[in-house]
Amino acid sequence: MVRLLLVDDDAIVRRLLGGNLAPFGIEVVAEATDGDEVVPAVQAHHPDVVLMDLRMRRVDGIRATEAVRRLPDPPGVVALTSLDTDDVVLRAVRAGAAGFIDKTAATEEIADAIHQVAAGQGAFGPRAARVVAHHVAQDPDARQREDALRRLEVLTDKEREVAAQVATGAANAEIAGRTFLSETTVKTHLTRALTKLGLANRTELAVLVARAGTGPG
């Protein structure tokens, strides 16, 4: 059972999500109605994941996410918004969100994102992944590209292949189909790649791959 802190200033959204997520093995252990309530709620209830609305009155979800990520052993954050512009996606990633999901997504999709982040995998859809990759690829700093390429040299060919697919926003099952590997093998390669590179999650890996310019051919 994944322990969830649900953050949204709309009581109807909180009620609907709280009830709909329970069948998917997700327990809402606490709720917050604005960004300034998030850190105290995390400290009091120790959730595995925070589902964070980005638009709130007093303290927006971006600043609340930054505050959560500064905590010792912080939970993963899934950004929840109806405004999935490129700027919003990039701000959420920079703040430390490990996932990004639209409010209009089906409950099953939201639940999948929460479970993925709880497992340390990250949960950015293909569009959000493309936005991040495109932004990073436009970085003119050749030194950063060279550094990223050098860091990726520690990976095996299969680990690099999986990492390249991660940068497209593909989930493990989709990567397995594309690379003709089992999903278990994909998870193994991904875990080893993250460990070798000293990265926390697949979002950081996607950024590194994009910076190196080594996405799938």
N, C-alpha and C. Protein backbone atom coordinates (compact mmCIF):
# COMPACT_ATOMS: atom_id res chain seq x y z
N MET A 1 0.85 -1.20 0.00
CA MET A 1 0.00 0.00 0.00
C MET A 1 0.89 1.25 0.00
N VAL A 2 0.67 2.13 -0.96
CA VAL A 2 1.44 3.37 -1.05
C VAL A 2 0.76 4.43 -0.20
N ARG A 3 1.53 5.09 0.64
CA ARG A 3 1.01 6.16 1.50
C ARG A 3 1.11 7.49 0.74
N LEU A 4 -0.02 8.17 0.59
CA LEU A 4 -0.09 9.36 -0.24
C LEU A 4 -0.53 10.59 0.55
N LEU A 5 0.17 11.69 0.32
CA LEU A 5 -0.28 13.00 0.77
C LEU A 5 -0.91 13.70 -0.43
N LEU A 6 -2.17 14.04 -0.32
CA LEU A 6 -2.92 14.65 -1.42
C LEU A 6 -3.01 16.15 -1.20
N VAL A 7 -2.48 16.92 -2.14
CA VAL A 7 -2.42 18.37 -1.99
C VAL A 7 -3.20 19.04 -3.12
N ASP A 8 -4.32 19.67 -2.77
CA ASP A 8 -5.12 20.38 -3.76
C ASP A 8 -6.05 21.34 -3.02
N ASP A 9 -6.22 22.55 -3.54
CA ASP A 9 -7.08 23.51 -2.85
C ASP A 9 -8.55 23.33 -3.20
N ASP A 10 -8.86 22.37 -4.05
CA ASP A 10 -10.24 22.08 -4.44
C ASP A 10 -10.74 20.86 -3.66
N ALA A 11 -11.72 21.07 -2.78
CA ALA A 11 -12.22 19.99 -1.94
C ALA A 11 -12.85 18.87 -2.76
N ILE A 12 -13.47 19.22 -3.88
CA ILE A 12 -14.10 18.20 -4.73
C ILE A 12 -13.03 17.29 -5.34
N VAL A 13 -11.94 17.88 -5.81
CA VAL A 13 -10.85 17.10 -6.38
C VAL A 13 -10.28 16.16 -5.33
N ARG A 14 -10.07 16.68 -4.12
CA ARG A 14 -9.52 15.83 -3.05
C ARG A 14 -10.45 14.67 -2.73
N ARG A 15 -11.74 14.94 -2.66
CA ARG A 15 -12.69 13.89 -2.31
C ARG A 15 -12.75 12.82 -3.41
N LEU A 16 -12.80 13.27 -4.66
CA LEU A 16 -12.89 12.31 -5.77
C LEU A 16 -11.63 11.46 -5.87
N LEU A 17 -10.47 12.12 -5.83
CA LEU A 17 -9.22 11.37 -5.95
C LEU A 17 -9.02 10.43 -4.77
N GLY A 18 -9.30 10.93 -3.58
CA GLY A 18 -9.12 10.10 -2.39
C GLY A 18 -9.91 8.81 -2.46
N GLY A 19 -11.17 8.91 -2.92
CA GLY A 19 -12.00 7.71 -3.01
C GLY A 19 -11.63 6.82 -4.18
N ASN A 20 -11.24 7.43 -5.30
CA ASN A 20 -10.96 6.64 -6.51
C ASN A 20 -9.62 5.92 -6.47
N LEU A 21 -8.68 6.41 -5.69
CA LEU A 21 -7.35 5.81 -5.68
C LEU A 21 -7.24 4.59 -4.76
N ALA A 22 -8.14 4.48 -3.80
CA ALA A 22 -8.07 3.38 -2.83
C ALA A 22 -8.03 1.99 -3.47
N PRO A 23 -8.84 1.71 -4.51
CA PRO A 23 -8.80 0.37 -5.12
C PRO A 23 -7.47 0.04 -5.81
N PHE A 24 -6.64 1.05 -6.00
CA PHE A 24 -5.35 0.84 -6.69
C PHE A 24 -4.20 0.68 -5.69
N GLY A 25 -4.52 0.40 -4.45
CA GLY A 25 -3.47 0.18 -3.46
C GLY A 25 -2.82 1.46 -2.99
N ILE A 26 -3.58 2.54 -2.96
CA ILE A 26 -3.05 3.84 -2.53
C ILE A 26 -3.90 4.36 -1.38
N GLU A 27 -3.26 4.63 -0.25
CA GLU A 27 -3.96 5.14 0.93
C GLU A 27 -3.62 6.62 1.12
N VAL A 28 -4.63 7.46 1.11
CA VAL A 28 -4.43 8.89 1.38
C VAL A 28 -4.31 9.05 2.90
N VAL A 29 -3.08 9.28 3.37
CA VAL A 29 -2.83 9.37 4.81
C VAL A 29 -3.04 10.77 5.34
N ALA A 30 -3.05 11.76 4.43
CA ALA A 30 -3.27 13.15 4.85
C ALA A 30 -3.60 13.98 3.62
N GLU A 31 -4.22 15.13 3.87
CA GLU A 31 -4.53 16.08 2.81
C GLU A 31 -4.01 17.45 3.20
N ALA A 32 -3.70 18.25 2.20
CA ALA A 32 -3.31 19.64 2.42
C ALA A 32 -4.04 20.49 1.41
N THR A 33 -4.43 21.69 1.81
CA THR A 33 -5.22 22.55 0.95
C THR A 33 -4.42 23.67 0.32
N ASP A 34 -3.16 23.82 0.73
CA ASP A 34 -2.30 24.84 0.12
C ASP A 34 -0.84 24.47 0.35
N GLY A 35 0.03 25.12 -0.41
CA GLY A 35 1.44 24.74 -0.40
C GLY A 35 2.14 24.91 0.93
N ASP A 36 1.69 25.87 1.75
CA ASP A 36 2.36 26.09 3.03
C ASP A 36 2.01 25.03 4.07
N GLU A 37 1.08 24.14 3.75
CA GLU A 37 0.72 23.05 4.66
C GLU A 37 1.46 21.76 4.35
N VAL A 38 2.21 21.75 3.26
CA VAL A 38 2.77 20.49 2.76
C VAL A 38 3.90 19.96 3.63
N VAL A 39 4.89 20.78 3.91
CA VAL A 39 6.04 20.30 4.70
C VAL A 39 5.61 19.80 6.08
N PRO A 40 4.77 20.55 6.83
CA PRO A 40 4.31 20.00 8.12
C PRO A 40 3.56 18.67 7.97
N ALA A 41 2.78 18.53 6.89
CA ALA A 41 2.04 17.28 6.67
C ALA A 41 2.99 16.13 6.37
N VAL A 42 4.02 16.39 5.58
CA VAL A 42 5.03 15.36 5.29
C VAL A 42 5.73 14.93 6.57
N GLN A 43 6.11 15.90 7.38
CA GLN A 43 6.82 15.58 8.63
C GLN A 43 5.94 14.82 9.62
N ALA A 44 4.64 15.09 9.58
CA ALA A 44 3.73 14.44 10.53
C ALA A 44 3.29 13.05 10.09
N HIS A 45 3.16 12.85 8.77
CA HIS A 45 2.54 11.62 8.27
C HIS A 45 3.47 10.71 7.47
N HIS A 46 4.62 11.19 7.06
CA HIS A 46 5.63 10.39 6.36
C HIS A 46 5.07 9.63 5.16
N PRO A 47 4.51 10.35 4.19
CA PRO A 47 3.98 9.67 2.99
C PRO A 47 5.10 9.16 2.10
N ASP A 48 4.76 8.19 1.26
CA ASP A 48 5.72 7.73 0.25
C ASP A 48 5.76 8.68 -0.94
N VAL A 49 4.60 9.26 -1.24
CA VAL A 49 4.46 10.13 -2.41
C VAL A 49 3.56 11.31 -2.05
N VAL A 50 3.87 12.46 -2.64
CA VAL A 50 3.00 13.63 -2.54
C VAL A 50 2.42 13.90 -3.93
N LEU A 51 1.09 13.90 -4.02
CA LEU A 51 0.42 14.28 -5.27
C LEU A 51 0.09 15.76 -5.15
N MET A 52 0.80 16.59 -5.91
CA MET A 52 0.87 18.02 -5.67
C MET A 52 0.20 18.84 -6.78
N ASP A 53 -0.90 19.51 -6.43
CA ASP A 53 -1.48 20.49 -7.34
C ASP A 53 -0.48 21.64 -7.49
N LEU A 54 -0.33 22.17 -8.69
CA LEU A 54 0.65 23.23 -8.90
C LEU A 54 0.08 24.63 -8.73
N ARG A 55 -1.25 24.77 -8.85
CA ARG A 55 -1.87 26.10 -8.72
C ARG A 55 -2.65 26.19 -7.42
N MET A 56 -2.09 26.95 -6.46
CA MET A 56 -2.75 27.16 -5.17
C MET A 56 -2.58 28.61 -4.76
N ARG A 57 -3.41 29.06 -3.84
CA ARG A 57 -3.52 30.50 -3.57
C ARG A 57 -2.30 31.09 -2.84
N ARG A 58 -1.92 30.49 -1.72
CA ARG A 58 -0.88 31.11 -0.89
C ARG A 58 0.53 30.74 -1.36
N VAL A 59 0.77 29.45 -1.48
CA VAL A 59 2.08 28.95 -1.91
C VAL A 59 1.84 27.95 -3.02
N ASP A 60 2.35 28.22 -4.21
CA ASP A 60 2.07 27.31 -5.33
C ASP A 60 2.83 25.99 -5.19
N GLY A 61 2.44 25.03 -6.01
CA GLY A 61 3.02 23.69 -5.92
C GLY A 61 4.48 23.62 -6.28
N ILE A 62 4.95 24.55 -7.11
CA ILE A 62 6.38 24.56 -7.47
C ILE A 62 7.22 24.85 -6.23
N ARG A 63 6.86 25.91 -5.51
CA ARG A 63 7.62 26.25 -4.30
C ARG A 63 7.46 25.19 -3.21
N ALA A 64 6.26 24.62 -3.12
CA ALA A 64 6.05 23.56 -2.13
C ALA A 64 6.88 22.32 -2.46
N THR A 65 7.00 22.01 -3.76
CA THR A 65 7.84 20.87 -4.18
C THR A 65 9.30 21.12 -3.81
N GLU A 66 9.79 22.31 -4.07
CA GLU A 66 11.17 22.66 -3.70
C GLU A 66 11.39 22.48 -2.20
N ALA A 67 10.40 22.90 -1.39
CA ALA A 67 10.53 22.78 0.06
C ALA A 67 10.54 21.31 0.49
N VAL A 68 9.70 20.50 -0.12
CA VAL A 68 9.66 19.07 0.20
C VAL A 68 10.99 18.40 -0.13
N ARG A 69 11.53 18.71 -1.29
CA ARG A 69 12.77 18.07 -1.73
C ARG A 69 13.97 18.47 -0.88
N ARG A 70 13.86 19.54 -0.12
CA ARG A 70 14.96 19.94 0.77
C ARG A 70 14.92 19.17 2.10
N LEU A 71 13.85 18.44 2.35
CA LEU A 71 13.74 17.68 3.60
C LEU A 71 14.67 16.47 3.58
N PRO A 72 15.09 15.99 4.75
CA PRO A 72 15.86 14.74 4.79
C PRO A 72 14.96 13.59 4.34
N ASP A 73 15.47 12.72 3.48
CA ASP A 73 14.74 11.56 3.00
C ASP A 73 13.33 11.94 2.52
N PRO A 74 13.25 12.84 1.55
CA PRO A 74 11.93 13.34 1.13
C PRO A 74 11.13 12.32 0.32
N PRO A 75 9.81 12.43 0.35
CA PRO A 75 8.99 11.57 -0.52
C PRO A 75 9.09 12.05 -1.96
N GLY A 76 8.72 11.18 -2.90
CA GLY A 76 8.64 11.61 -4.29
C GLY A 76 7.43 12.51 -4.49
N VAL A 77 7.53 13.39 -5.46
CA VAL A 77 6.43 14.31 -5.75
C VAL A 77 5.93 14.09 -7.17
N VAL A 78 4.62 13.92 -7.30
CA VAL A 78 3.97 13.88 -8.61
C VAL A 78 3.21 15.19 -8.78
N ALA A 79 3.59 15.96 -9.79
CA ALA A 79 2.92 17.24 -10.06
C ALA A 79 1.60 16.98 -10.76
N LEU A 80 0.54 17.61 -10.26
CA LEU A 80 -0.81 17.43 -10.80
C LEU A 80 -1.30 18.79 -11.29
N THR A 81 -1.60 18.89 -12.58
CA THR A 81 -2.01 20.19 -13.10
C THR A 81 -2.84 20.04 -14.35
N SER A 82 -3.60 21.08 -14.64
CA SER A 82 -4.35 21.15 -15.89
C SER A 82 -3.65 22.06 -16.89
N LEU A 83 -2.49 22.60 -16.49
CA LEU A 83 -1.75 23.52 -17.34
C LEU A 83 -0.41 22.90 -17.72
N ASP A 84 -0.42 21.99 -18.69
CA ASP A 84 0.81 21.28 -19.03
C ASP A 84 1.56 21.99 -20.15
N THR A 85 1.82 23.30 -19.98
CA THR A 85 2.64 24.03 -20.94
C THR A 85 4.09 23.65 -20.74
N ASP A 86 4.91 23.95 -21.74
CA ASP A 86 6.34 23.62 -21.63
C ASP A 86 6.95 24.25 -20.39
N ASP A 87 6.58 25.50 -20.12
CA ASP A 87 7.16 26.20 -18.97
C ASP A 87 6.79 25.53 -17.66
N VAL A 88 5.54 25.09 -17.53
CA VAL A 88 5.10 24.42 -16.31
C VAL A 88 5.84 23.10 -16.12
N VAL A 89 6.00 22.34 -17.20
CA VAL A 89 6.72 21.07 -17.12
C VAL A 89 8.15 21.30 -16.65
N LEU A 90 8.83 22.26 -17.25
CA LEU A 90 10.23 22.52 -16.91
C LEU A 90 10.37 23.02 -15.47
N ARG A 91 9.46 23.87 -15.04
CA ARG A 91 9.51 24.38 -13.66
C ARG A 91 9.29 23.25 -12.66
N ALA A 92 8.40 22.33 -12.98
CA ALA A 92 8.14 21.20 -12.09
C ALA A 92 9.37 20.31 -11.98
N VAL A 93 10.03 20.05 -13.11
CA VAL A 93 11.24 19.21 -13.11
C VAL A 93 12.35 19.89 -12.32
N ARG A 94 12.55 21.17 -12.56
CA ARG A 94 13.60 21.90 -11.83
C ARG A 94 13.33 21.93 -10.34
N ALA A 95 12.06 21.95 -9.96
CA ALA A 95 11.72 21.98 -8.54
C ALA A 95 11.98 20.64 -7.86
N GLY A 96 12.06 19.58 -8.66
CA GLY A 96 12.35 18.26 -8.11
C GLY A 96 11.24 17.25 -8.24
N ALA A 97 10.19 17.57 -9.00
CA ALA A 97 9.12 16.61 -9.20
C ALA A 97 9.64 15.39 -9.93
N ALA A 98 9.21 14.21 -9.49
CA ALA A 98 9.63 12.96 -10.13
C ALA A 98 8.57 12.44 -11.08
N GLY A 99 7.43 13.14 -11.14
CA GLY A 99 6.36 12.74 -12.04
C GLY A 99 5.51 13.93 -12.40
N PHE A 100 4.77 13.81 -13.48
CA PHE A 100 3.95 14.91 -13.97
C PHE A 100 2.72 14.30 -14.63
N ILE A 101 1.54 14.66 -14.13
CA ILE A 101 0.31 14.07 -14.65
C ILE A 101 -0.76 15.14 -14.78
N ASP A 102 -1.55 15.06 -15.83
CA ASP A 102 -2.63 16.02 -16.06
C ASP A 102 -3.84 15.65 -15.21
N LYS A 103 -4.53 16.69 -14.71
CA LYS A 103 -5.71 16.45 -13.88
C LYS A 103 -6.80 15.71 -14.63
N THR A 104 -6.80 15.82 -15.95
CA THR A 104 -7.84 15.16 -16.74
C THR A 104 -7.51 13.70 -17.04
N ALA A 105 -6.35 13.23 -16.59
CA ALA A 105 -5.97 11.83 -16.84
C ALA A 105 -6.92 10.89 -16.10
N ALA A 106 -7.04 9.69 -16.62
CA ALA A 106 -7.86 8.67 -15.97
C ALA A 106 -7.26 8.31 -14.61
N THR A 107 -8.12 7.89 -13.69
CA THR A 107 -7.65 7.53 -12.35
C THR A 107 -6.56 6.47 -12.41
N GLU A 108 -6.69 5.52 -13.32
CA GLU A 108 -5.68 4.46 -13.45
C GLU A 108 -4.32 5.05 -13.83
N GLU A 109 -4.31 6.06 -14.71
CA GLU A 109 -3.06 6.70 -15.10
C GLU A 109 -2.43 7.43 -13.92
N ILE A 110 -3.27 8.12 -13.15
CA ILE A 110 -2.75 8.82 -11.98
C ILE A 110 -2.19 7.83 -10.97
N ALA A 111 -2.91 6.73 -10.77
CA ALA A 111 -2.44 5.69 -9.85
C ALA A 111 -1.12 5.09 -10.32
N ASP A 112 -1.01 4.84 -11.63
CA ASP A 112 0.24 4.30 -12.18
C ASP A 112 1.40 5.24 -11.92
N ALA A 113 1.17 6.55 -12.10
CA ALA A 113 2.22 7.54 -11.87
C ALA A 113 2.65 7.52 -10.40
N ILE A 114 1.69 7.43 -9.50
CA ILE A 114 2.00 7.39 -8.07
C ILE A 114 2.83 6.16 -7.73
N HIS A 115 2.43 5.00 -8.25
CA HIS A 115 3.17 3.76 -7.98
C HIS A 115 4.58 3.82 -8.57
N GLN A 116 4.72 4.37 -9.76
CA GLN A 116 6.04 4.48 -10.38
C GLN A 116 6.97 5.36 -9.56
N VAL A 117 6.46 6.48 -9.09
CA VAL A 117 7.29 7.38 -8.28
C VAL A 117 7.60 6.74 -6.92
N ALA A 118 6.64 6.03 -6.36
CA ALA A 118 6.89 5.33 -5.09
C ALA A 118 8.01 4.30 -5.24
N ALA A 119 8.11 3.72 -6.44
CA ALA A 119 9.15 2.73 -6.72
C ALA A 119 10.47 3.37 -7.15
N GLY A 120 10.51 4.71 -7.16
CA GLY A 120 11.73 5.41 -7.54
C GLY A 120 11.98 5.48 -9.02
N GLN A 121 10.94 5.25 -9.83
CA GLN A 121 11.13 5.18 -11.28
C GLN A 121 10.88 6.50 -11.99
N GLY A 122 10.12 7.40 -11.40
CA GLY A 122 9.73 8.61 -12.11
C GLY A 122 8.55 8.32 -13.02
N ALA A 123 7.78 9.35 -13.33
CA ALA A 123 6.56 9.14 -14.12
C ALA A 123 6.24 10.34 -14.98
N PHE A 124 7.08 10.57 -15.97
CA PHE A 124 6.82 11.63 -16.94
C PHE A 124 6.34 10.98 -18.23
N GLY A 125 5.22 11.45 -18.73
CA GLY A 125 4.70 10.93 -19.98
C GLY A 125 5.57 11.32 -21.15
N PRO A 126 5.29 10.77 -22.32
CA PRO A 126 6.11 11.06 -23.50
C PRO A 126 6.21 12.55 -23.82
N ARG A 127 5.11 13.29 -23.67
CA ARG A 127 5.16 14.71 -24.01
C ARG A 127 6.07 15.46 -23.05
N ALA A 128 5.91 15.23 -21.75
CA ALA A 128 6.75 15.90 -20.77
C ALA A 128 8.21 15.54 -20.97
N ALA A 129 8.49 14.27 -21.26
CA ALA A 129 9.87 13.84 -21.51
C ALA A 129 10.45 14.54 -22.72
N ARG A 130 9.65 14.70 -23.77
CA ARG A 130 10.13 15.39 -24.97
C ARG A 130 10.43 16.85 -24.68
N VAL A 131 9.58 17.49 -23.86
CA VAL A 131 9.80 18.89 -23.50
C VAL A 131 11.14 19.05 -22.79
N VAL A 132 11.39 18.19 -21.81
CA VAL A 132 12.63 18.26 -21.05
C VAL A 132 13.83 17.97 -21.96
N ALA A 133 13.71 16.92 -22.76
CA ALA A 133 14.81 16.55 -23.65
C ALA A 133 15.11 17.66 -24.65
N HIS A 134 14.06 18.25 -25.21
CA HIS A 134 14.26 19.33 -26.19
C HIS A 134 14.95 20.53 -25.54
N HIS A 135 14.51 20.87 -24.33
CA HIS A 135 15.10 22.02 -23.64
C HIS A 135 16.58 21.78 -23.36
N VAL A 136 16.88 20.57 -22.87
CA VAL A 136 18.27 20.26 -22.54
C VAL A 136 19.13 20.19 -23.80
N ALA A 137 18.56 19.64 -24.88
CA ALA A 137 19.31 19.49 -26.13
C ALA A 137 19.66 20.84 -26.74
N GLN A 138 18.89 21.88 -26.41
CA GLN A 138 19.16 23.20 -26.94
C GLN A 138 20.27 23.92 -26.19
N ASP A 139 20.71 23.32 -25.10
CA ASP A 139 21.79 23.91 -24.30
C ASP A 139 23.06 24.00 -25.14
N PRO A 140 23.58 25.20 -25.36
CA PRO A 140 24.75 25.36 -26.23
C PRO A 140 26.08 25.01 -25.57
N ASP A 141 26.06 24.63 -24.30
CA ASP A 141 27.30 24.39 -23.58
C ASP A 141 27.90 23.04 -24.00
N ALA A 142 28.90 23.09 -24.85
CA ALA A 142 29.54 21.86 -25.34
C ALA A 142 30.23 21.11 -24.21
N ARG A 143 30.69 21.85 -23.21
CA ARG A 143 31.37 21.19 -22.09
C ARG A 143 30.42 20.27 -21.34
N GLN A 144 29.17 20.73 -21.15
CA GLN A 144 28.19 19.89 -20.48
C GLN A 144 27.89 18.64 -21.29
N ARG A 145 27.83 18.79 -22.61
CA ARG A 145 27.57 17.63 -23.46
C ARG A 145 28.71 16.63 -23.35
N GLU A 146 29.93 17.11 -23.38
CA GLU A 146 31.09 16.22 -23.27
C GLU A 146 31.11 15.51 -21.92
N ASP A 147 30.75 16.25 -20.87
CA ASP A 147 30.71 15.65 -19.54
C ASP A 147 29.65 14.56 -19.46
N ALA A 148 28.49 14.82 -20.06
CA ALA A 148 27.41 13.82 -20.06
C ALA A 148 27.83 12.58 -20.83
N LEU A 149 28.46 12.75 -21.97
CA LEU A 149 28.94 11.62 -22.76
C LEU A 149 29.96 10.80 -21.97
N ARG A 150 30.85 11.49 -21.29
CA ARG A 150 31.88 10.80 -20.50
C ARG A 150 31.25 9.98 -19.38
N ARG A 151 30.25 10.55 -18.72
CA ARG A 151 29.59 9.83 -17.63
C ARG A 151 28.88 8.58 -18.13
N LEU A 152 28.29 8.65 -19.31
CA LEU A 152 27.55 7.51 -19.85
C LEU A 152 28.46 6.38 -20.30
N GLU A 153 29.76 6.64 -20.42
CA GLU A 153 30.70 5.61 -20.86
C GLU A 153 30.79 4.44 -19.89
N VAL A 154 30.39 4.66 -18.62
CA VAL A 154 30.49 3.58 -17.63
C VAL A 154 29.40 2.51 -17.84
N LEU A 155 28.42 2.82 -18.67
CA LEU A 155 27.31 1.88 -18.88
C LEU A 155 27.66 0.84 -19.94
N THR A 156 27.05 -0.32 -19.81
CA THR A 156 27.17 -1.33 -20.86
C THR A 156 26.30 -0.92 -22.05
N ASP A 157 26.47 -1.63 -23.17
CA ASP A 157 25.67 -1.30 -24.35
C ASP A 157 24.18 -1.42 -24.06
N LYS A 158 23.78 -2.47 -23.35
CA LYS A 158 22.36 -2.68 -23.05
C LYS A 158 21.84 -1.62 -22.09
N GLU A 159 22.66 -1.25 -21.12
CA GLU A 159 22.26 -0.19 -20.18
C GLU A 159 22.07 1.13 -20.91
N ARG A 160 22.98 1.41 -21.87
CA ARG A 160 22.83 2.65 -22.66
C ARG A 160 21.58 2.60 -23.53
N GLU A 161 21.28 1.41 -24.06
CA GLU A 161 20.09 1.26 -24.89
C GLU A 161 18.82 1.54 -24.08
N VAL A 162 18.77 1.00 -22.87
CA VAL A 162 17.62 1.23 -22.00
C VAL A 162 17.55 2.71 -21.59
N ALA A 163 18.70 3.28 -21.28
CA ALA A 163 18.74 4.70 -20.89
C ALA A 163 18.23 5.60 -22.00
N ALA A 164 18.58 5.27 -23.24
CA ALA A 164 18.13 6.06 -24.38
C ALA A 164 16.61 6.00 -24.52
N GLN A 165 16.03 4.85 -24.22
CA GLN A 165 14.58 4.71 -24.29
C GLN A 165 13.89 5.45 -23.15
N VAL A 166 14.52 5.48 -21.99
CA VAL A 166 13.98 6.23 -20.85
C VAL A 166 13.80 7.70 -21.21
N ALA A 167 14.72 8.23 -22.00
CA ALA A 167 14.68 9.64 -22.39
C ALA A 167 13.48 9.97 -23.27
N THR A 168 12.82 8.96 -23.82
CA THR A 168 11.63 9.20 -24.64
C THR A 168 10.36 9.24 -23.79
N GLY A 169 10.49 8.93 -22.50
CA GLY A 169 9.34 8.89 -21.62
C GLY A 169 8.65 7.55 -21.57
N ALA A 170 9.24 6.54 -22.18
CA ALA A 170 8.62 5.22 -22.23
C ALA A 170 8.67 4.54 -20.86
N ALA A 171 7.61 3.82 -20.53
CA ALA A 171 7.57 3.01 -19.32
C ALA A 171 8.34 1.72 -19.55
N ASN A 172 8.62 0.99 -18.47
CA ASN A 172 9.44 -0.22 -18.59
C ASN A 172 8.86 -1.25 -19.55
N ALA A 173 7.54 -1.43 -19.51
CA ALA A 173 6.92 -2.41 -20.39
C ALA A 173 7.11 -2.02 -21.86
N GLU A 174 6.99 -0.74 -22.14
CA GLU A 174 7.17 -0.27 -23.52
C GLU A 174 8.63 -0.42 -23.96
N ILE A 175 9.54 -0.12 -23.06
CA ILE A 175 10.97 -0.28 -23.37
C ILE A 175 11.27 -1.74 -23.66
N ALA A 176 10.67 -2.64 -22.88
CA ALA A 176 10.87 -4.08 -23.10
C ALA A 176 10.46 -4.47 -24.51
N GLY A 177 9.33 -3.96 -24.97
CA GLY A 177 8.87 -4.27 -26.31
C GLY A 177 9.77 -3.72 -27.39
N ARG A 178 10.28 -2.55 -27.16
CA ARG A 178 11.15 -1.91 -28.16
C ARG A 178 12.52 -2.57 -28.24
N THR A 179 13.03 -3.06 -27.12
CA THR A 179 14.39 -3.58 -27.07
C THR A 179 14.45 -5.11 -27.10
N PHE A 180 13.27 -5.76 -27.14
CA PHE A 180 13.19 -7.23 -27.16
C PHE A 180 13.82 -7.84 -25.91
N LEU A 181 13.64 -7.15 -24.77
CA LEU A 181 14.08 -7.66 -23.48
C LEU A 181 12.85 -7.90 -22.61
N SER A 182 13.01 -8.68 -21.57
CA SER A 182 11.91 -8.84 -20.63
C SER A 182 11.82 -7.58 -19.76
N GLU A 183 10.65 -7.35 -19.20
CA GLU A 183 10.49 -6.17 -18.34
C GLU A 183 11.40 -6.26 -17.12
N THR A 184 11.60 -7.46 -16.60
CA THR A 184 12.50 -7.64 -15.46
C THR A 184 13.93 -7.25 -15.82
N THR A 185 14.35 -7.64 -17.04
CA THR A 185 15.71 -7.30 -17.48
C THR A 185 15.84 -5.79 -17.66
N VAL A 186 14.80 -5.16 -18.19
CA VAL A 186 14.82 -3.70 -18.33
C VAL A 186 15.00 -3.03 -16.97
N LYS A 187 14.24 -3.50 -15.98
CA LYS A 187 14.35 -2.94 -14.63
C LYS A 187 15.76 -3.12 -14.07
N THR A 188 16.35 -4.29 -14.34
CA THR A 188 17.71 -4.57 -13.86
C THR A 188 18.71 -3.62 -14.50
N HIS A 189 18.63 -3.44 -15.82
CA HIS A 189 19.54 -2.52 -16.51
C HIS A 189 19.35 -1.09 -16.01
N LEU A 190 18.10 -0.70 -15.80
CA LEU A 190 17.82 0.65 -15.34
C LEU A 190 18.39 0.89 -13.94
N THR A 191 18.18 -0.07 -13.05
CA THR A 191 18.69 0.05 -11.68
C THR A 191 20.21 0.15 -11.68
N ARG A 192 20.86 -0.69 -12.49
CA ARG A 192 22.32 -0.67 -12.55
C ARG A 192 22.82 0.65 -13.13
N ALA A 193 22.12 1.17 -14.15
CA ALA A 193 22.53 2.43 -14.76
C ALA A 193 22.43 3.57 -13.75
N LEU A 194 21.32 3.62 -13.02
CA LEU A 194 21.14 4.68 -12.03
C LEU A 194 22.21 4.60 -10.94
N THR A 195 22.52 3.37 -10.51
CA THR A 195 23.54 3.19 -9.47
C THR A 195 24.91 3.62 -9.96
N LYS A 196 25.29 3.18 -11.16
CA LYS A 196 26.60 3.54 -11.71
C LYS A 196 26.76 5.05 -11.89
N LEU A 197 25.66 5.71 -12.27
CA LEU A 197 25.71 7.14 -12.56
C LEU A 197 25.44 8.01 -11.34
N GLY A 198 25.05 7.37 -10.23
CA GLY A 198 24.77 8.13 -9.02
C GLY A 198 23.53 9.01 -9.16
N LEU A 199 22.53 8.51 -9.90
CA LEU A 199 21.31 9.28 -10.14
C LEU A 199 20.17 8.74 -9.28
N ALA A 200 19.23 9.62 -8.94
CA ALA A 200 18.14 9.24 -8.05
C ALA A 200 16.98 8.58 -8.75
N ASN A 201 16.72 8.95 -10.01
CA ASN A 201 15.54 8.42 -10.68
C ASN A 201 15.69 8.54 -12.19
N ARG A 202 14.72 8.02 -12.92
CA ARG A 202 14.80 7.98 -14.37
C ARG A 202 14.66 9.36 -15.00
N THR A 203 14.06 10.31 -14.29
CA THR A 203 13.99 11.67 -14.82
C THR A 203 15.38 12.26 -14.94
N GLU A 204 16.20 12.08 -13.90
CA GLU A 204 17.57 12.57 -13.96
C GLU A 204 18.35 11.86 -15.07
N LEU A 205 18.07 10.58 -15.26
CA LEU A 205 18.73 9.82 -16.33
C LEU A 205 18.32 10.37 -17.69
N ALA A 206 17.03 10.67 -17.87
CA ALA A 206 16.55 11.21 -19.14
C ALA A 206 17.22 12.54 -19.46
N VAL A 207 17.39 13.37 -18.45
CA VAL A 207 18.06 14.67 -18.65
C VAL A 207 19.51 14.46 -19.07
N LEU A 208 20.19 13.51 -18.41
CA LEU A 208 21.59 13.25 -18.75
C LEU A 208 21.73 12.75 -20.18
N VAL A 209 20.85 11.82 -20.59
CA VAL A 209 20.88 11.29 -21.95
C VAL A 209 20.61 12.40 -22.96
N ALA A 210 19.63 13.25 -22.65
CA ALA A 210 19.31 14.35 -23.56
C ALA A 210 20.48 15.31 -23.69
N ARG A 211 21.14 15.57 -22.58
CA ARG A 211 22.28 16.49 -22.61
C ARG A 211 23.42 15.90 -23.45
N ALA A 212 23.56 14.58 -23.40
CA ALA A 212 24.61 13.93 -24.19
C ALA A 212 24.23 13.80 -25.65
N GLY A 213 22.93 13.93 -25.93
CA GLY A 213 22.47 13.79 -27.32
C GLY A 213 22.51 12.36 -27.81
N THR A 214 22.27 11.41 -26.88
CA THR A 214 22.37 9.99 -27.24
C THR A 214 21.03 9.27 -27.12
N GLY A 215 19.96 9.92 -27.53
CA GLY A 215 18.65 9.27 -27.51
C GLY A 215 18.61 8.15 -28.53
N PRO A 216 17.51 7.42 -28.59
CA PRO A 216 17.41 6.28 -29.53
C PRO A 216 17.52 6.75 -30.97
N GLY A 217 18.18 5.94 -31.78
CA GLY A 217 18.36 6.30 -33.18
C GLY A 217 17.13 6.02 -34.01
